[in-house]
Amino acid sequence: MTDSVINFGQAQFLTSAPDIRKLPADQGIEVAFAGRSNAGKSSALNALTRQRQLARTSKTPGRTQLINVFTLSDHQRLIDLPGYGFAKVPLEVKLKWQKSLGEYLQMRECLRGLVVLMDIRHPFKDLDQELIHWAVESDIPVLAVLTKADKLKSGARKKALMDAEEAVPGFGGDVRVITFSSLNKHGLPELESTLNSWLTQPAEPRENDTAHDD
């Protein structure tokens, strides 16, 4: 447990980038948020930072096509990756997002953890699993956040968490699961604790095995 506690309310928007080449210098520490277009990612970021409009929520899932960067300090950032999996987005756009996500996870050296947000009623769909496998292969710890937990009664919520935890060993690597609601802040302390531990690690490049790239 670290003595340093981050004030997530100090998060500020820095920039939006179409791909990793337009991101800030690959230095310091980043934690990324990813999820399907209707998983409640923007709402979770706003709940975390106590800012209603930090991450813009849209009534049209799939509209955000950029990597959004929020600063916590001069060396700590939150990254909002483009939502994925929305059916009405053209195929070429989906492929572009997929390429952008893959590049970010595999090449961004300052990435220290990935938060994958999934609707608690529909967790671990194909693209969610692919994303988690990408992270595990790149030695990035994952926090799987089952959002919209307020939509389920207590018993159903506990069962959904238990089912998700049973699926986690299949991914290998460091993958944990929590339930979360941006509406009533259920699970917020657990999210904050995990992010705090990731963001206060020594800012050294993570090891990434590239031997299979030959």
C-alpha atoms as a PDB file:
ATOM      1  CA  MET A   1       0.000   0.000   0.000  1.00  0.00           C
ATOM      2  CA  THR A   2       1.380   3.367  -1.015  1.00  0.00           C
ATOM      3  CA  ASP A   3       1.275   6.493   1.134  1.00  0.00           C
ATOM      4  CA  SER A   4       0.517   8.642  -1.907  1.00  0.00           C
ATOM      5  CA  VAL A   5      -3.202   9.124  -2.559  1.00  0.00           C
ATOM      6  CA  ILE A   6      -4.252  10.654  -5.855  1.00  0.00           C
ATOM      7  CA  ASN A   7      -6.972  13.287  -6.006  1.00  0.00           C
ATOM      8  CA  PHE A   8      -8.858  12.207  -9.127  1.00  0.00           C
ATOM      9  CA  GLY A   9     -10.971  15.348  -8.936  1.00  0.00           C
ATOM     10  CA  GLN A  10      -7.998  17.322 -10.254  1.00  0.00           C
ATOM     11  CA  ALA A  11      -8.185  15.568 -13.643  1.00  0.00           C
ATOM     12  CA  GLN A  12      -8.098  17.961 -16.602  1.00  0.00           C
ATOM     13  CA  PHE A  13      -8.625  17.391 -20.307  1.00  0.00           C
ATOM     14  CA  LEU A  14      -5.344  17.687 -22.225  1.00  0.00           C
ATOM     15  CA  THR A  15      -5.871  16.596 -25.826  1.00  0.00           C
ATOM     16  CA  SER A  16      -7.562  14.231 -28.258  1.00  0.00           C
ATOM     17  CA  ALA A  17      -5.505  12.129 -30.668  1.00  0.00           C
ATOM     18  CA  PRO A  18      -6.464   9.968 -33.670  1.00  0.00           C
ATOM     19  CA  ASP A  19      -3.649   7.477 -32.916  1.00  0.00           C
ATOM     20  CA  ILE A  20      -0.616   6.948 -30.680  1.00  0.00           C
ATOM     21  CA  ARG A  21       1.621   9.103 -32.897  1.00  0.00           C
ATOM     22  CA  LYS A  22      -0.334  12.199 -31.830  1.00  0.00           C
ATOM     23  CA  LEU A  23      -0.296  11.401 -28.103  1.00  0.00           C
ATOM     24  CA  PRO A  24       1.915  13.203 -25.552  1.00  0.00           C
ATOM     25  CA  ALA A  25       5.476  11.921 -25.142  1.00  0.00           C
ATOM     26  CA  ASP A  26       5.639   8.287 -23.997  1.00  0.00           C
ATOM     27  CA  GLN A  27       6.808   9.231 -20.496  1.00  0.00           C
ATOM     28  CA  GLY A  28       5.414   9.090 -16.984  1.00  0.00           C
ATOM     29  CA  ILE A  29       2.496   6.782 -16.148  1.00  0.00           C
ATOM     30  CA  GLU A  30      -0.808   6.180 -17.908  1.00  0.00           C
ATOM     31  CA  VAL A  31      -3.887   4.121 -17.042  1.00  0.00           C
ATOM     32  CA  ALA A  32      -6.321   3.469 -19.889  1.00  0.00           C
ATOM     33  CA  PHE A  33     -10.093   2.975 -19.912  1.00  0.00           C
ATOM     34  CA  ALA A  34     -11.649   0.872 -22.659  1.00  0.00           C
ATOM     35  CA  GLY A  35     -15.001  -0.707 -23.326  1.00  0.00           C
ATOM     36  CA  ARG A  36     -17.843  -1.255 -25.705  1.00  0.00           C
ATOM     37  CA  SER A  37     -19.623   1.883 -26.847  1.00  0.00           C
ATOM     38  CA  ASN A  38     -22.570   1.309 -24.497  1.00  0.00           C
ATOM     39  CA  ALA A  39     -20.629   0.093 -21.444  1.00  0.00           C
ATOM     40  CA  GLY A  40     -20.838   3.373 -19.506  1.00  0.00           C
ATOM     41  CA  LYS A  41     -17.161   4.311 -19.830  1.00  0.00           C
ATOM     42  CA  SER A  42     -17.682   8.072 -19.901  1.00  0.00           C
ATOM     43  CA  SER A  43     -20.052   7.916 -16.929  1.00  0.00           C
ATOM     44  CA  ALA A  44     -17.474   5.905 -14.959  1.00  0.00           C
ATOM     45  CA  LEU A  45     -14.729   8.444 -15.703  1.00  0.00           C
ATOM     46  CA  ASN A  46     -17.004  11.282 -14.642  1.00  0.00           C
ATOM     47  CA  ALA A  47     -17.910   9.463 -11.414  1.00  0.00           C
ATOM     48  CA  LEU A  48     -14.237   8.795 -10.685  1.00  0.00           C
ATOM     49  CA  THR A  49     -13.230  12.428 -11.205  1.00  0.00           C
ATOM     50  CA  ARG A  50     -16.374  13.950  -9.636  1.00  0.00           C
ATOM     51  CA  GLN A  51     -16.808  15.977 -12.823  1.00  0.00           C
ATOM     52  CA  ARG A  52     -20.069  15.689 -14.719  1.00  0.00           C
ATOM     53  CA  GLN A  53     -18.677  16.680 -18.103  1.00  0.00           C
ATOM     54  CA  LEU A  54     -15.011  15.654 -18.063  1.00  0.00           C
ATOM     55  CA  ALA A  55     -15.669  12.704 -20.365  1.00  0.00           C
ATOM     56  CA  ARG A  56     -18.463  13.599 -22.729  1.00  0.00           C
ATOM     57  CA  THR A  57     -21.324  11.133 -22.749  1.00  0.00           C
ATOM     58  CA  SER A  58     -23.197  10.699 -25.999  1.00  0.00           C
ATOM     59  CA  LYS A  59     -26.693   9.491 -26.785  1.00  0.00           C
ATOM     60  CA  THR A  60     -25.180   7.972 -29.923  1.00  0.00           C
ATOM     61  CA  PRO A  61     -22.814   5.132 -28.923  1.00  0.00           C
ATOM     62  CA  GLY A  62     -19.741   4.837 -31.103  1.00  0.00           C
ATOM     63  CA  ARG A  63     -19.427   8.545 -31.861  1.00  0.00           C
ATOM     64  CA  THR A  64     -16.113   9.036 -30.054  1.00  0.00           C
ATOM     65  CA  GLN A  65     -13.329   7.984 -32.422  1.00  0.00           C
ATOM     66  CA  LEU A  66     -10.386   9.661 -30.701  1.00  0.00           C
ATOM     67  CA  ILE A  67      -8.042   8.790 -27.831  1.00  0.00           C
ATOM     68  CA  ASN A  68      -8.804  11.354 -25.112  1.00  0.00           C
ATOM     69  CA  VAL A  69      -6.081  12.287 -22.633  1.00  0.00           C
ATOM     70  CA  PHE A  70      -6.691  13.644 -19.115  1.00  0.00           C
ATOM     71  CA  THR A  71      -3.875  14.775 -16.842  1.00  0.00           C
ATOM     72  CA  LEU A  72      -3.717  14.168 -13.095  1.00  0.00           C
ATOM     73  CA  SER A  73      -0.228  15.617 -12.675  1.00  0.00           C
ATOM     74  CA  ASP A  74       2.765  16.364 -14.885  1.00  0.00           C
ATOM     75  CA  HIS A  75       3.541  12.628 -15.074  1.00  0.00           C
ATOM     76  CA  GLN A  76       0.201  10.864 -14.452  1.00  0.00           C
ATOM     77  CA  ARG A  77      -2.570  10.540 -17.048  1.00  0.00           C
ATOM     78  CA  LEU A  78      -5.914   8.841 -17.603  1.00  0.00           C
ATOM     79  CA  ILE A  79      -6.536   7.674 -21.168  1.00  0.00           C
ATOM     80  CA  ASP A  80     -10.040   7.294 -22.588  1.00  0.00           C
ATOM     81  CA  LEU A  81      -9.767   4.882 -25.532  1.00  0.00           C
ATOM     82  CA  PRO A  82     -12.396   4.883 -28.312  1.00  0.00           C
ATOM     83  CA  GLY A  83     -15.492   2.813 -27.634  1.00  0.00           C
ATOM     84  CA  TYR A  84     -15.761  -0.315 -29.738  1.00  0.00           C
ATOM     85  CA  GLY A  85     -18.340  -2.840 -30.902  1.00  0.00           C
ATOM     86  CA  PHE A  86     -21.178  -0.536 -31.929  1.00  0.00           C
ATOM     87  CA  ALA A  87     -23.111  -2.183 -34.750  1.00  0.00           C
ATOM     88  CA  LYS A  88     -23.944   0.965 -36.736  1.00  0.00           C
ATOM     89  CA  VAL A  89     -20.308   2.037 -37.162  1.00  0.00           C
ATOM     90  CA  PRO A  90     -18.964   1.262 -40.670  1.00  0.00           C
ATOM     91  CA  LEU A  91     -16.595  -1.687 -40.940  1.00  0.00           C
ATOM     92  CA  GLU A  92     -13.630   0.443 -42.020  1.00  0.00           C
ATOM     93  CA  VAL A  93     -14.066   2.584 -38.904  1.00  0.00           C
ATOM     94  CA  LYS A  94     -14.230  -0.508 -36.694  1.00  0.00           C
ATOM     95  CA  LEU A  95     -10.998  -1.819 -38.223  1.00  0.00           C
ATOM     96  CA  LYS A  96      -9.306   1.557 -37.723  1.00  0.00           C
ATOM     97  CA  TRP A  97     -10.311   1.592 -34.041  1.00  0.00           C
ATOM     98  CA  GLN A  98      -9.122  -1.987 -33.613  1.00  0.00           C
ATOM     99  CA  LYS A  99      -5.733  -1.111 -35.096  1.00  0.00           C
ATOM    100  CA  SER A 100      -5.480   1.985 -32.894  1.00  0.00           C
ATOM    101  CA  LEU A 101      -6.336   0.004 -29.740  1.00  0.00           C
ATOM    102  CA  GLY A 102      -3.835  -2.718 -30.593  1.00  0.00           C
ATOM    103  CA  GLU A 103      -1.048  -0.233 -31.253  1.00  0.00           C
ATOM    104  CA  TYR A 104      -1.716   1.598 -28.026  1.00  0.00           C
ATOM    105  CA  LEU A 105      -1.718  -1.531 -25.857  1.00  0.00           C
ATOM    106  CA  GLN A 106       1.345  -3.092 -27.477  1.00  0.00           C
ATOM    107  CA  MET A 107       3.525  -0.023 -28.028  1.00  0.00           C
ATOM    108  CA  ARG A 108       2.764   2.521 -25.307  1.00  0.00           C
ATOM    109  CA  GLU A 109       5.564   1.982 -22.779  1.00  0.00           C
ATOM    110  CA  CYS A 110       4.121   4.226 -20.053  1.00  0.00           C
ATOM    111  CA  LEU A 111       0.864   2.245 -19.825  1.00  0.00           C
ATOM    112  CA  ARG A 112       0.604   0.709 -16.332  1.00  0.00           C
ATOM    113  CA  GLY A 113      -2.902  -0.729 -16.282  1.00  0.00           C
ATOM    114  CA  LEU A 114      -6.061  -1.220 -18.325  1.00  0.00           C
ATOM    115  CA  VAL A 115      -9.617  -0.792 -17.052  1.00  0.00           C
ATOM    116  CA  VAL A 116     -12.045  -2.764 -19.229  1.00  0.00           C
ATOM    117  CA  LEU A 117     -15.637  -1.694 -18.656  1.00  0.00           C
ATOM    118  CA  MET A 118     -18.463  -4.104 -19.457  1.00  0.00           C
ATOM    119  CA  ASP A 119     -22.201  -3.972 -18.835  1.00  0.00           C
ATOM    120  CA  ILE A 120     -22.760  -6.377 -15.925  1.00  0.00           C
ATOM    121  CA  ARG A 121     -25.667  -7.918 -17.856  1.00  0.00           C
ATOM    122  CA  HIS A 122     -23.503  -8.677 -20.924  1.00  0.00           C
ATOM    123  CA  PRO A 123     -19.863  -9.206 -19.835  1.00  0.00           C
ATOM    124  CA  PHE A 124     -16.930 -10.743 -21.707  1.00  0.00           C
ATOM    125  CA  LYS A 125     -18.183 -10.439 -25.269  1.00  0.00           C
ATOM    126  CA  ASP A 126     -15.724 -11.333 -28.022  1.00  0.00           C
ATOM    127  CA  LEU A 127     -14.123  -7.874 -28.342  1.00  0.00           C
ATOM    128  CA  ASP A 128     -13.850  -7.574 -24.548  1.00  0.00           C
ATOM    129  CA  GLN A 129     -12.012 -10.876 -24.396  1.00  0.00           C
ATOM    130  CA  GLU A 130      -9.742  -9.916 -27.285  1.00  0.00           C
ATOM    131  CA  LEU A 131      -8.836  -6.676 -25.535  1.00  0.00           C
ATOM    132  CA  ILE A 132      -8.015  -8.455 -22.268  1.00  0.00           C
ATOM    133  CA  HIS A 133      -5.883 -11.026 -24.105  1.00  0.00           C
ATOM    134  CA  TRP A 134      -3.995  -8.175 -25.804  1.00  0.00           C
ATOM    135  CA  ALA A 135      -3.270  -6.624 -22.407  1.00  0.00           C
ATOM    136  CA  VAL A 136      -2.195  -9.908 -20.799  1.00  0.00           C
ATOM    137  CA  GLU A 137       0.161 -10.643 -23.694  1.00  0.00           C
ATOM    138  CA  SER A 138       1.708  -7.210 -23.150  1.00  0.00           C
ATOM    139  CA  ASP A 139       2.120  -7.805 -19.388  1.00  0.00           C
ATOM    140  CA  ILE A 140      -0.440  -5.137 -18.510  1.00  0.00           C
ATOM    141  CA  PRO A 141      -2.648  -5.715 -15.445  1.00  0.00           C
ATOM    142  CA  VAL A 142      -6.381  -5.534 -16.092  1.00  0.00           C
ATOM    143  CA  LEU A 143      -9.281  -4.441 -13.912  1.00  0.00           C
ATOM    144  CA  ALA A 144     -12.540  -5.722 -15.406  1.00  0.00           C
ATOM    145  CA  VAL A 145     -15.294  -3.373 -14.234  1.00  0.00           C
ATOM    146  CA  LEU A 146     -18.858  -4.682 -14.453  1.00  0.00           C
ATOM    147  CA  THR A 147     -20.798  -1.456 -14.904  1.00  0.00           C
ATOM    148  CA  LYS A 148     -24.479  -0.601 -14.346  1.00  0.00           C
ATOM    149  CA  ALA A 149     -24.540  -2.806 -11.241  1.00  0.00           C
ATOM    150  CA  ASP A 150     -27.555  -0.800 -10.028  1.00  0.00           C
ATOM    151  CA  LYS A 151     -29.589  -2.494 -12.789  1.00  0.00           C
ATOM    152  CA  LEU A 152     -29.434  -5.808 -10.883  1.00  0.00           C
ATOM    153  CA  LYS A 153     -30.699  -6.816  -7.458  1.00  0.00           C
ATOM    154  CA  SER A 154     -28.129  -7.852  -4.878  1.00  0.00           C
ATOM    155  CA  GLY A 155     -28.373 -11.602  -5.517  1.00  0.00           C
ATOM    156  CA  ALA A 156     -28.112 -11.269  -9.281  1.00  0.00           C
ATOM    157  CA  ARG A 157     -25.201  -8.834  -8.902  1.00  0.00           C
ATOM    158  CA  LYS A 158     -23.293 -11.268  -6.696  1.00  0.00           C
ATOM    159  CA  LYS A 159     -23.918 -14.106  -9.146  1.00  0.00           C
ATOM    160  CA  ALA A 160     -22.701 -11.984 -12.069  1.00  0.00           C
ATOM    161  CA  LEU A 161     -19.511 -11.182 -10.151  1.00  0.00           C
ATOM    162  CA  MET A 162     -18.978 -14.831  -9.235  1.00  0.00           C
ATOM    163  CA  ASP A 163     -19.469 -15.936 -12.855  1.00  0.00           C
ATOM    164  CA  ALA A 164     -17.004 -13.274 -14.040  1.00  0.00           C
ATOM    165  CA  GLU A 165     -14.412 -14.276 -11.451  1.00  0.00           C
ATOM    166  CA  GLU A 166     -14.697 -17.886 -12.614  1.00  0.00           C
ATOM    167  CA  ALA A 167     -13.914 -16.754 -16.178  1.00  0.00           C
ATOM    168  CA  VAL A 168     -10.837 -14.726 -15.211  1.00  0.00           C
ATOM    169  CA  PRO A 169      -8.276 -17.577 -14.824  1.00  0.00           C
ATOM    170  CA  GLY A 170      -8.787 -18.393 -18.508  1.00  0.00           C
ATOM    171  CA  PHE A 171      -7.073 -15.152 -19.458  1.00  0.00           C
ATOM    172  CA  GLY A 172      -3.917 -15.774 -17.433  1.00  0.00           C
ATOM    173  CA  GLY A 173      -2.001 -12.717 -16.273  1.00  0.00           C
ATOM    174  CA  ASP A 174      -3.131 -10.165 -13.684  1.00  0.00           C
ATOM    175  CA  VAL A 175      -6.896  -9.769 -14.197  1.00  0.00           C
ATOM    176  CA  ARG A 176      -9.317  -8.789 -11.442  1.00  0.00           C
ATOM    177  CA  VAL A 177     -13.063  -8.046 -11.443  1.00  0.00           C
ATOM    178  CA  ILE A 178     -15.241  -5.581  -9.549  1.00  0.00           C
ATOM    179  CA  THR A 179     -18.880  -4.497  -9.838  1.00  0.00           C
ATOM    180  CA  PHE A 180     -19.555  -0.793 -10.334  1.00  0.00           C
ATOM    181  CA  SER A 181     -22.319   1.770 -10.650  1.00  0.00           C
ATOM    182  CA  SER A 182     -21.693   5.369 -11.682  1.00  0.00           C
ATOM    183  CA  LEU A 183     -25.205   6.163 -10.441  1.00  0.00           C
ATOM    184  CA  ASN A 184     -24.772   5.213  -6.774  1.00  0.00           C
ATOM    185  CA  LYS A 185     -20.935   5.016  -6.703  1.00  0.00           C
ATOM    186  CA  HIS A 186     -20.974   1.301  -5.851  1.00  0.00           C
ATOM    187  CA  GLY A 187     -17.451  -0.043  -6.411  1.00  0.00           C
ATOM    188  CA  LEU A 188     -15.851   3.409  -6.628  1.00  0.00           C
ATOM    189  CA  PRO A 189     -13.473   2.852  -3.661  1.00  0.00           C
ATOM    190  CA  GLU A 190     -12.173  -0.363  -5.268  1.00  0.00           C
ATOM    191  CA  LEU A 191     -11.646   1.402  -8.599  1.00  0.00           C
ATOM    192  CA  GLU A 192      -9.817   4.277  -6.910  1.00  0.00           C
ATOM    193  CA  SER A 193      -7.597   1.907  -4.919  1.00  0.00           C
ATOM    194  CA  THR A 194      -6.503  -0.027  -8.006  1.00  0.00           C
ATOM    195  CA  LEU A 195      -5.830   3.116 -10.054  1.00  0.00           C
ATOM    196  CA  ASN A 196      -3.907   4.641  -7.162  1.00  0.00           C
ATOM    197  CA  SER A 197      -1.599   1.608  -6.970  1.00  0.00           C
ATOM    198  CA  TRP A 198      -0.982   1.624 -10.726  1.00  0.00           C
ATOM    199  CA  LEU A 199      -0.417   5.370 -11.019  1.00  0.00           C
ATOM    200  CA  THR A 200       2.066   5.559  -8.158  1.00  0.00           C
ATOM    201  CA  GLN A 201       4.402   2.848  -9.452  1.00  0.00           C
ATOM    202  CA  PRO A 202       7.957   3.882 -10.340  1.00  0.00           C
ATOM    203  CA  ALA A 203       7.868   5.398 -13.827  1.00  0.00           C
ATOM    204  CA  GLU A 204      10.057   2.815 -15.523  1.00  0.00           C
ATOM    205  CA  PRO A 205       9.354   1.315 -18.973  1.00  0.00           C
ATOM    206  CA  ARG A 206       7.380  -1.906 -18.686  1.00  0.00           C
ATOM    207  CA  GLU A 207       8.967  -5.046 -20.108  1.00  0.00           C
ATOM    208  CA  ASN A 208       7.379  -6.208 -23.318  1.00  0.00           C
ATOM    209  CA  ASP A 209       8.428  -9.427 -25.009  1.00  0.00           C
ATOM    210  CA  THR A 210       8.777  -8.691 -28.714  1.00  0.00           C
ATOM    211  CA  ALA A 211      10.630 -11.865 -29.657  1.00  0.00           C
ATOM    212  CA  HIS A 212       7.532 -13.167 -31.480  1.00  0.00           C
ATOM    213  CA  ASP A 213       7.605 -10.184 -33.862  1.00  0.00           C
ATOM    214  CA  ASP A 214      10.256 -11.714 -36.095  1.00  0.00           C
END
